[in-house]
Protein backbone atom coordinates (compact mmCIF):
# COMPACT_ATOMS: atom_id res chain seq x y z
CA MET A 1 -14.96 -19.04 12.03
CA ILE A 2 -13.16 -18.89 8.69
CA GLU A 3 -10.04 -21.07 8.38
CA ILE A 4 -7.24 -19.70 6.21
CA ASP A 5 -4.04 -21.32 4.95
CA GLY A 6 -1.44 -18.63 5.55
CA SER A 7 1.24 -20.46 3.56
CA ALA A 8 -0.50 -19.31 0.36
CA GLY A 9 0.88 -15.78 0.85
CA GLY A 10 2.91 -13.49 3.06
CA GLY A 11 2.09 -10.65 5.39
CA GLN A 12 -0.37 -9.15 2.91
CA LEU A 13 -2.66 -12.16 3.30
CA LEU A 14 -2.70 -11.65 7.08
CA ARG A 15 -3.39 -7.91 6.80
CA THR A 16 -6.25 -8.46 4.35
CA ALA A 17 -7.76 -11.09 6.64
CA LEU A 18 -7.60 -8.69 9.59
CA SER A 19 -9.27 -5.91 7.58
CA LEU A 20 -12.05 -8.17 6.31
CA SER A 21 -12.58 -9.75 9.72
CA MET A 22 -13.11 -6.35 11.35
CA VAL A 23 -15.41 -5.03 8.62
CA THR A 24 -17.59 -8.16 8.50
CA ALA A 25 -17.36 -9.05 12.22
CA THR A 26 -16.24 -12.53 11.15
CA PRO A 27 -13.61 -14.39 13.22
CA PHE A 28 -10.84 -16.34 11.53
CA THR A 29 -7.98 -18.70 12.27
CA MET A 30 -4.90 -18.57 10.06
CA THR A 31 -2.31 -21.34 10.12
CA GLY A 32 1.04 -21.66 8.36
CA ILE A 33 1.61 -17.91 8.48
CA ARG A 34 4.49 -16.98 6.15
CA ALA A 35 5.50 -20.66 6.24
CA LYS A 36 7.43 -20.45 2.96
CA ARG A 37 9.52 -17.43 3.96
CA SER A 38 13.14 -17.66 5.11
CA ARG A 39 11.98 -16.40 8.52
CA PRO A 40 8.49 -17.89 8.88
CA GLY A 41 5.84 -16.73 11.31
CA LEU A 42 4.90 -13.35 12.70
CA MET A 43 7.46 -10.53 12.82
CA ARG A 44 7.41 -7.18 14.61
CA GLN A 45 5.49 -5.23 11.97
CA HIS A 46 2.88 -8.01 11.67
CA LEU A 47 2.38 -7.95 15.43
CA THR A 48 1.87 -4.17 15.28
CA ALA A 49 -0.80 -4.64 12.61
CA ILE A 50 -2.51 -7.31 14.71
CA ASP A 51 -2.44 -5.13 17.81
CA ALA A 52 -3.76 -2.16 15.84
CA ALA A 53 -6.64 -4.30 14.56
CA ARG A 54 -7.26 -5.59 18.09
CA GLN A 55 -7.57 -2.06 19.45
CA VAL A 56 -9.81 -0.84 16.63
CA SER A 57 -12.21 -3.79 16.89
CA ASP A 58 -11.87 -4.71 20.59
CA ALA A 59 -10.88 -8.19 19.42
CA ALA A 60 -9.86 -11.32 21.26
CA VAL A 61 -6.56 -12.62 19.88
CA LEU A 62 -4.68 -15.90 20.26
CA GLY A 63 -1.20 -16.65 18.92
CA ALA A 64 0.09 -13.08 18.53
CA GLU A 65 3.70 -13.84 19.43
CA PRO A 66 7.00 -13.45 17.54
CA GLY A 67 7.52 -16.40 15.22
CA SER A 68 4.00 -17.76 15.66
CA GLN A 69 2.53 -19.41 12.56
CA MET A 70 -1.01 -19.55 13.94
CA LEU A 71 -3.40 -16.72 14.77
CA THR A 72 -7.02 -16.64 15.90
CA PHE A 73 -8.76 -13.26 15.66
CA ILE A 74 -12.27 -12.66 17.03
CA PRO A 75 -13.44 -9.07 16.42
CA GLN A 76 -16.16 -7.20 18.28
CA ALA A 77 -17.47 -3.72 17.46
CA ILE A 78 -15.38 -1.22 15.50
CA ARG A 79 -14.35 1.72 17.67
CA ALA A 80 -13.52 5.17 16.33
CA GLY A 81 -10.87 7.05 18.28
CA ASP A 82 -7.45 8.66 18.43
CA TYR A 83 -4.84 5.95 17.95
CA HIS A 84 -1.06 5.79 18.21
CA PHE A 85 0.74 2.82 16.66
CA PRO A 86 4.54 2.87 17.17
CA ILE A 87 6.14 -0.01 15.28
CA GLY A 88 9.48 0.59 16.98
CA THR A 89 11.49 -0.53 13.93
CA ALA A 90 11.61 0.33 10.23
CA GLY A 91 8.50 -1.82 9.71
CA SER A 92 6.07 -0.20 7.30
CA THR A 93 3.67 2.36 8.74
CA THR A 94 1.69 2.34 5.49
CA LEU A 95 0.91 -1.39 5.75
CA VAL A 96 -0.35 -0.99 9.31
CA LEU A 97 -2.50 1.94 8.15
CA GLN A 98 -3.98 -0.09 5.33
CA THR A 99 -4.88 -2.85 7.80
CA VAL A 100 -7.14 -0.67 9.95
CA LEU A 101 -8.31 1.87 7.36
CA PRO A 102 -11.24 -0.21 5.97
CA ALA A 103 -12.62 -0.69 9.48
CA LEU A 104 -12.28 2.95 10.53
CA ILE A 105 -14.05 3.97 7.33
CA ARG A 106 -17.07 2.08 8.72
CA ALA A 107 -16.87 3.58 12.23
CA HIS A 108 -19.66 5.80 13.56
CA LYS A 109 -17.43 8.90 13.69
CA GLY A 110 -14.05 10.19 12.59
CA SER A 111 -10.71 8.87 13.81
CA SER A 112 -7.08 9.96 13.88
CA ILE A 113 -3.96 7.79 13.74
CA ARG A 114 -0.31 8.51 14.40
CA LEU A 115 2.06 5.85 13.06
CA GLU A 116 5.80 5.67 13.74
CA GLY A 117 8.28 3.49 11.88
CA GLY A 118 9.25 3.13 8.23
CA THR A 119 7.56 5.37 5.67
CA HIS A 120 9.71 4.43 2.65
CA ASN A 121 10.41 0.69 2.68
CA PRO A 122 11.07 -1.79 -0.12
CA LEU A 123 8.14 -4.20 -0.63
CA ALA A 124 5.60 -1.71 0.79
CA PRO A 125 3.77 1.27 -0.70
CA PRO A 126 5.59 4.47 0.33
CA ALA A 127 3.79 7.36 1.99
CA ASP A 128 3.91 9.35 -1.26
CA PHE A 129 1.89 6.64 -3.02
CA LEU A 130 -0.85 6.77 -0.39
CA ILE A 131 -1.00 10.56 -0.45
CA ASP A 132 -0.78 11.22 -4.20
CA ALA A 133 -2.36 8.10 -5.72
CA PHE A 134 -4.40 5.95 -3.33
CA ALA A 135 -6.19 8.59 -1.22
CA PRO A 136 -7.58 10.44 -4.30
CA VAL A 137 -9.17 7.22 -5.55
CA LEU A 138 -10.76 6.66 -2.12
CA ALA A 139 -12.06 10.24 -2.27
CA LYS A 140 -13.89 9.41 -5.52
CA MET A 141 -15.51 6.53 -3.63
CA GLY A 142 -16.67 8.87 -0.86
CA VAL A 143 -13.88 8.33 1.69
CA GLN A 144 -12.22 11.48 3.02
CA THR A 145 -8.73 10.93 4.41
CA ASP A 146 -6.03 13.43 5.27
CA ILE A 147 -2.62 11.71 5.23
CA ARG A 148 0.39 13.77 6.25
CA LEU A 149 4.03 12.68 6.12
CA ASP A 150 5.61 14.40 9.11
CA ARG A 151 9.01 12.67 9.05
CA HIS A 152 10.64 10.30 6.58
CA GLY A 153 11.77 6.91 7.84
CA PHE A 154 13.92 4.63 5.67
CA TYR A 155 14.91 1.00 6.17
CA PRO A 156 16.68 -0.03 8.39
CA ALA A 157 16.65 2.96 10.77
CA GLY A 158 12.94 3.80 10.66
CA GLY A 159 12.00 6.85 12.71
CA GLY A 160 9.35 8.11 10.31
CA VAL A 161 5.96 9.55 11.30
CA ILE A 162 2.62 9.61 9.45
CA ASP A 163 -0.50 11.35 10.79
CA VAL A 164 -3.90 10.42 9.38
CA ASN A 165 -7.43 11.76 9.84
CA ILE A 166 -10.30 9.58 8.60
CA GLN A 167 -13.92 10.55 8.07
CA PRO A 168 -16.30 7.56 7.95
CA ALA A 169 -18.33 6.57 4.91
CA GLN A 170 -20.95 3.89 5.52
CA VAL A 171 -21.54 3.43 1.78
CA LEU A 172 -18.73 3.37 -0.79
CA LYS A 173 -19.39 4.45 -4.35
CA PRO A 174 -18.44 1.86 -7.01
CA LEU A 175 -15.95 3.12 -9.60
CA GLN A 176 -15.20 2.32 -13.21
CA LEU A 177 -11.53 3.11 -13.81
CA ILE A 178 -11.22 1.92 -17.38
CA GLU A 179 -9.38 4.81 -19.05
CA ARG A 180 -6.81 7.06 -17.44
CA GLY A 181 -7.52 9.84 -19.94
CA GLN A 182 -5.04 12.33 -21.33
CA LEU A 183 -1.54 12.25 -19.88
CA ARG A 184 -1.03 15.60 -18.17
CA ALA A 185 2.35 15.56 -16.44
CA VAL A 186 5.22 13.31 -15.38
CA SER A 187 7.51 14.40 -12.54
CA ALA A 188 10.29 12.82 -10.49
CA LYS A 189 11.56 13.25 -6.94
CA ALA A 190 14.80 11.75 -5.62
CA LEU A 191 15.07 11.45 -1.84
CA VAL A 192 18.40 10.99 -0.06
CA SER A 193 19.08 10.75 3.67
CA SER A 194 22.59 10.62 5.14
CA ILE A 195 24.09 9.82 1.74
CA SER A 196 25.64 11.97 -0.97
CA SER A 197 23.41 14.13 -3.16
CA SER A 198 25.36 12.81 -6.12
CA VAL A 199 23.35 9.58 -5.86
CA ALA A 200 20.12 11.47 -6.46
CA GLU A 201 21.72 13.55 -9.22
CA ARG A 202 22.76 10.39 -11.08
CA GLU A 203 19.26 8.93 -10.72
CA LEU A 204 17.60 12.08 -12.03
CA LYS A 205 20.00 12.21 -14.97
CA ILE A 206 18.77 8.76 -16.08
CA VAL A 207 15.12 9.77 -15.54
CA ALA A 208 15.57 12.92 -17.64
CA ARG A 209 16.98 10.85 -20.50
CA ARG A 210 14.56 7.92 -20.34
CA LEU A 211 11.37 9.91 -19.77
CA SER A 212 12.35 13.18 -21.52
CA LEU A 213 11.78 15.32 -18.42
CA SER A 214 12.91 18.90 -18.04
CA ASP A 215 14.77 20.20 -14.99
CA SER A 216 11.56 21.85 -13.73
CA ALA A 217 9.86 18.41 -13.58
CA MET A 218 12.53 16.94 -11.30
CA ARG A 219 13.41 17.58 -7.66
CA LEU A 220 16.22 16.50 -5.37
CA GLN A 221 15.35 16.41 -1.67
CA GLN A 222 17.87 15.94 1.12
CA ILE A 223 15.96 14.69 4.18
CA LYS A 224 16.61 16.87 7.22
CA PRO A 225 17.14 16.02 9.95
CA PRO A 226 18.36 12.63 8.70
CA ILE A 227 17.35 9.66 10.86
CA GLY A 228 19.45 7.13 8.95
CA PRO A 229 20.74 6.35 5.46
CA GLY A 230 18.17 5.96 2.72
CA ASN A 231 17.33 6.68 -0.92
CA ALA A 232 14.08 6.55 -2.88
CA LEU A 233 13.24 7.64 -6.42
CA ILE A 234 9.56 8.44 -6.93
CA ILE A 235 7.97 9.12 -10.32
CA ARG A 236 4.48 10.65 -10.41
CA VAL A 237 2.32 10.16 -13.51
CA GLU A 238 -0.67 12.50 -13.57
CA SER A 239 -3.45 11.74 -16.05
CA GLU A 240 -6.91 13.12 -16.63
CA HIS A 241 -8.73 10.59 -14.44
CA ILE A 242 -6.06 9.25 -12.11
CA THR A 243 -2.58 9.86 -10.70
CA GLU A 244 -0.11 7.01 -10.28
CA CYS A 245 3.17 6.81 -8.35
CA PHE A 246 6.08 4.46 -9.02
CA THR A 247 9.01 4.02 -6.65
CA ALA A 248 12.44 2.39 -6.63
CA PHE A 249 14.70 2.21 -3.58
CA GLY A 250 18.44 2.45 -3.39
CA GLU A 251 20.15 -0.60 -1.94
CA ARG A 252 23.66 -1.74 -1.20
CA GLY A 253 25.40 -3.16 -4.27
CA VAL A 254 22.95 -1.57 -6.75
CA SER A 255 24.07 1.52 -8.65
CA ALA A 256 22.04 4.73 -8.80
CA GLU A 257 21.72 4.18 -12.54
CA GLN A 258 20.23 0.71 -12.03
CA VAL A 259 17.71 2.07 -9.50
CA ALA A 260 16.59 4.73 -11.97
CA GLU A 261 16.45 2.36 -14.94
CA ARG A 262 14.27 -0.02 -12.94
CA VAL A 263 11.56 2.50 -12.11
CA CYS A 264 11.68 4.13 -15.55
CA GLU A 265 10.99 0.76 -17.16
CA GLU A 266 7.98 0.32 -14.88
CA VAL A 267 6.65 3.77 -15.78
CA GLN A 268 7.12 3.16 -19.50
CA ARG A 269 5.32 -0.21 -19.31
CA TYR A 270 2.41 1.50 -17.57
CA ILE A 271 2.17 4.29 -20.12
CA LYS A 272 2.53 1.92 -23.08
CA ALA A 273 -0.16 -0.46 -21.76
CA ASP A 274 -2.66 2.43 -21.70
CA VAL A 275 -4.28 1.18 -18.48
CA ALA A 276 -5.74 3.12 -15.57
CA VAL A 277 -3.70 1.68 -12.68
CA GLY A 278 -0.39 -0.04 -12.16
CA ALA A 279 0.21 -3.38 -10.48
CA GLN A 280 0.71 -1.96 -6.98
CA MET A 281 -2.43 0.17 -7.13
CA ALA A 282 -4.36 -2.87 -8.40
CA ASP A 283 -3.34 -4.75 -5.24
CA GLN A 284 -4.63 -1.92 -3.07
CA LEU A 285 -7.95 -1.35 -4.88
CA LEU A 286 -9.35 -4.89 -4.63
CA LEU A 287 -10.56 -4.50 -1.04
CA PRO A 288 -12.25 -1.06 -1.30
CA PHE A 289 -13.88 -2.08 -4.60
CA ALA A 290 -15.18 -5.25 -2.96
CA LEU A 291 -16.52 -3.25 0.00
CA ALA A 292 -18.29 -0.99 -2.51
CA GLY A 293 -19.97 -4.09 -3.93
CA GLY A 294 -18.63 -3.64 -7.44
CA GLY A 295 -16.52 -1.73 -9.91
CA SER A 296 -13.78 -2.39 -12.43
CA PHE A 297 -10.40 -1.11 -13.52
CA THR A 298 -7.79 -1.79 -16.17
CA THR A 299 -4.25 -2.69 -15.16
CA THR A 300 -1.12 -4.48 -16.21
CA ALA A 301 -0.71 -8.23 -15.64
CA PRO A 302 -2.07 -9.10 -12.17
CA THR A 303 0.44 -10.12 -9.52
CA ASP A 304 0.27 -13.25 -7.39
CA HIS A 305 -0.59 -10.89 -4.51
CA SER A 306 -3.67 -9.69 -6.37
CA ARG A 307 -4.93 -13.18 -7.16
CA THR A 308 -4.34 -14.45 -3.63
CA ASN A 309 -6.03 -11.39 -2.15
CA ALA A 310 -9.00 -11.82 -4.48
CA SER A 311 -9.52 -15.41 -3.34
CA LEU A 312 -9.42 -14.34 0.31
CA ILE A 313 -11.84 -11.45 -0.24
CA GLU A 314 -14.33 -13.86 -1.79
CA LYS A 315 -14.25 -15.92 1.43
CA PHE A 316 -15.47 -12.94 3.49
CA LEU A 317 -17.66 -10.95 1.09
CA PRO A 318 -20.41 -11.94 -1.37
CA VAL A 319 -18.49 -10.76 -4.45
CA ASN A 320 -16.79 -12.29 -7.45
CA ILE A 321 -13.46 -10.91 -8.67
CA ASP A 322 -12.53 -11.74 -12.25
CA PHE A 323 -9.24 -11.08 -14.05
CA VAL A 324 -9.81 -10.72 -17.81
CA GLU A 325 -6.95 -10.38 -20.27
CA LEU A 326 -7.94 -7.82 -22.90
CA ARG A 327 -4.68 -8.03 -24.85
CA PRO A 328 -1.03 -8.76 -24.01
CA ALA A 329 0.03 -6.72 -20.94
CA THR A 330 -3.47 -5.25 -20.55
CA TRP A 331 -6.02 -6.68 -18.13
CA LYS A 332 -9.40 -5.74 -16.72
CA VAL A 333 -10.34 -6.54 -13.12
CA GLU A 334 -14.08 -6.82 -12.54
CA VAL A 335 -15.61 -6.86 -9.06
CA GLY A 336 -19.29 -7.69 -8.84
């Protein structure tokens, strides 16, 4: 039984622990879950992730209640199957998917998952990131996933749907993502649901100026049928060896121009740093690289999420994860 201090991180720490517990068949107890947050303890989307992990690994669970700051999780065998995980709110479907994906990769046969809830939420990777950026990296490691966005779901209404098919891979191939190679294309997509198209038009105008994009490289998409109000601006950076996605979300009290400026700055930092992956992708790659037993990638300055996740991974798996600063704003993450 591994004991984990949950106050060291947020929901990501819990999801990583669930993933590692299932893959390694190691039980854990986490205390102080989200203790430093304004609303501490387990919330609806965390409970959905826990229940999804329970189903996939036939686990015994203690403490899975709203507001609970303690959880004991005792996994059994991983079970492939056809799963349906309705969050029931705008809670992130992509975070629930990432909780169970490592385990289902190790199952004895393929699985399918249908997730309902939020697909484009602040503080979570959007569905476009998983489809265009994350899944292709997994494919290079030998993991075949088919992720389909069937219906968009924005915060706070939710209502989105993602369907996923997963083919197992008992052995993951280590990767060296050191150089992204030649920059091939940059494109932008502005999504609006139940709000004026002028918001997206203003965002794309800023993107065209900041990133020197032509009209053919930009797209405005009105979500139909709209489930609720929402806005997301997604910029896709395609390079020779990898594709990255960067997203900013519209929010009350923040102008369309500010939303666009924010994501353009992130894209320009990434391009200027000449690294393979951005900060969000770096967070997501630590676990699959550790399961592969090694690998490395270059990235921008590591986030607190990345460092906390690395420490937790080292509790479950016999790997070392090192963050090496190569030069200002350029880092190398080594897993071995």
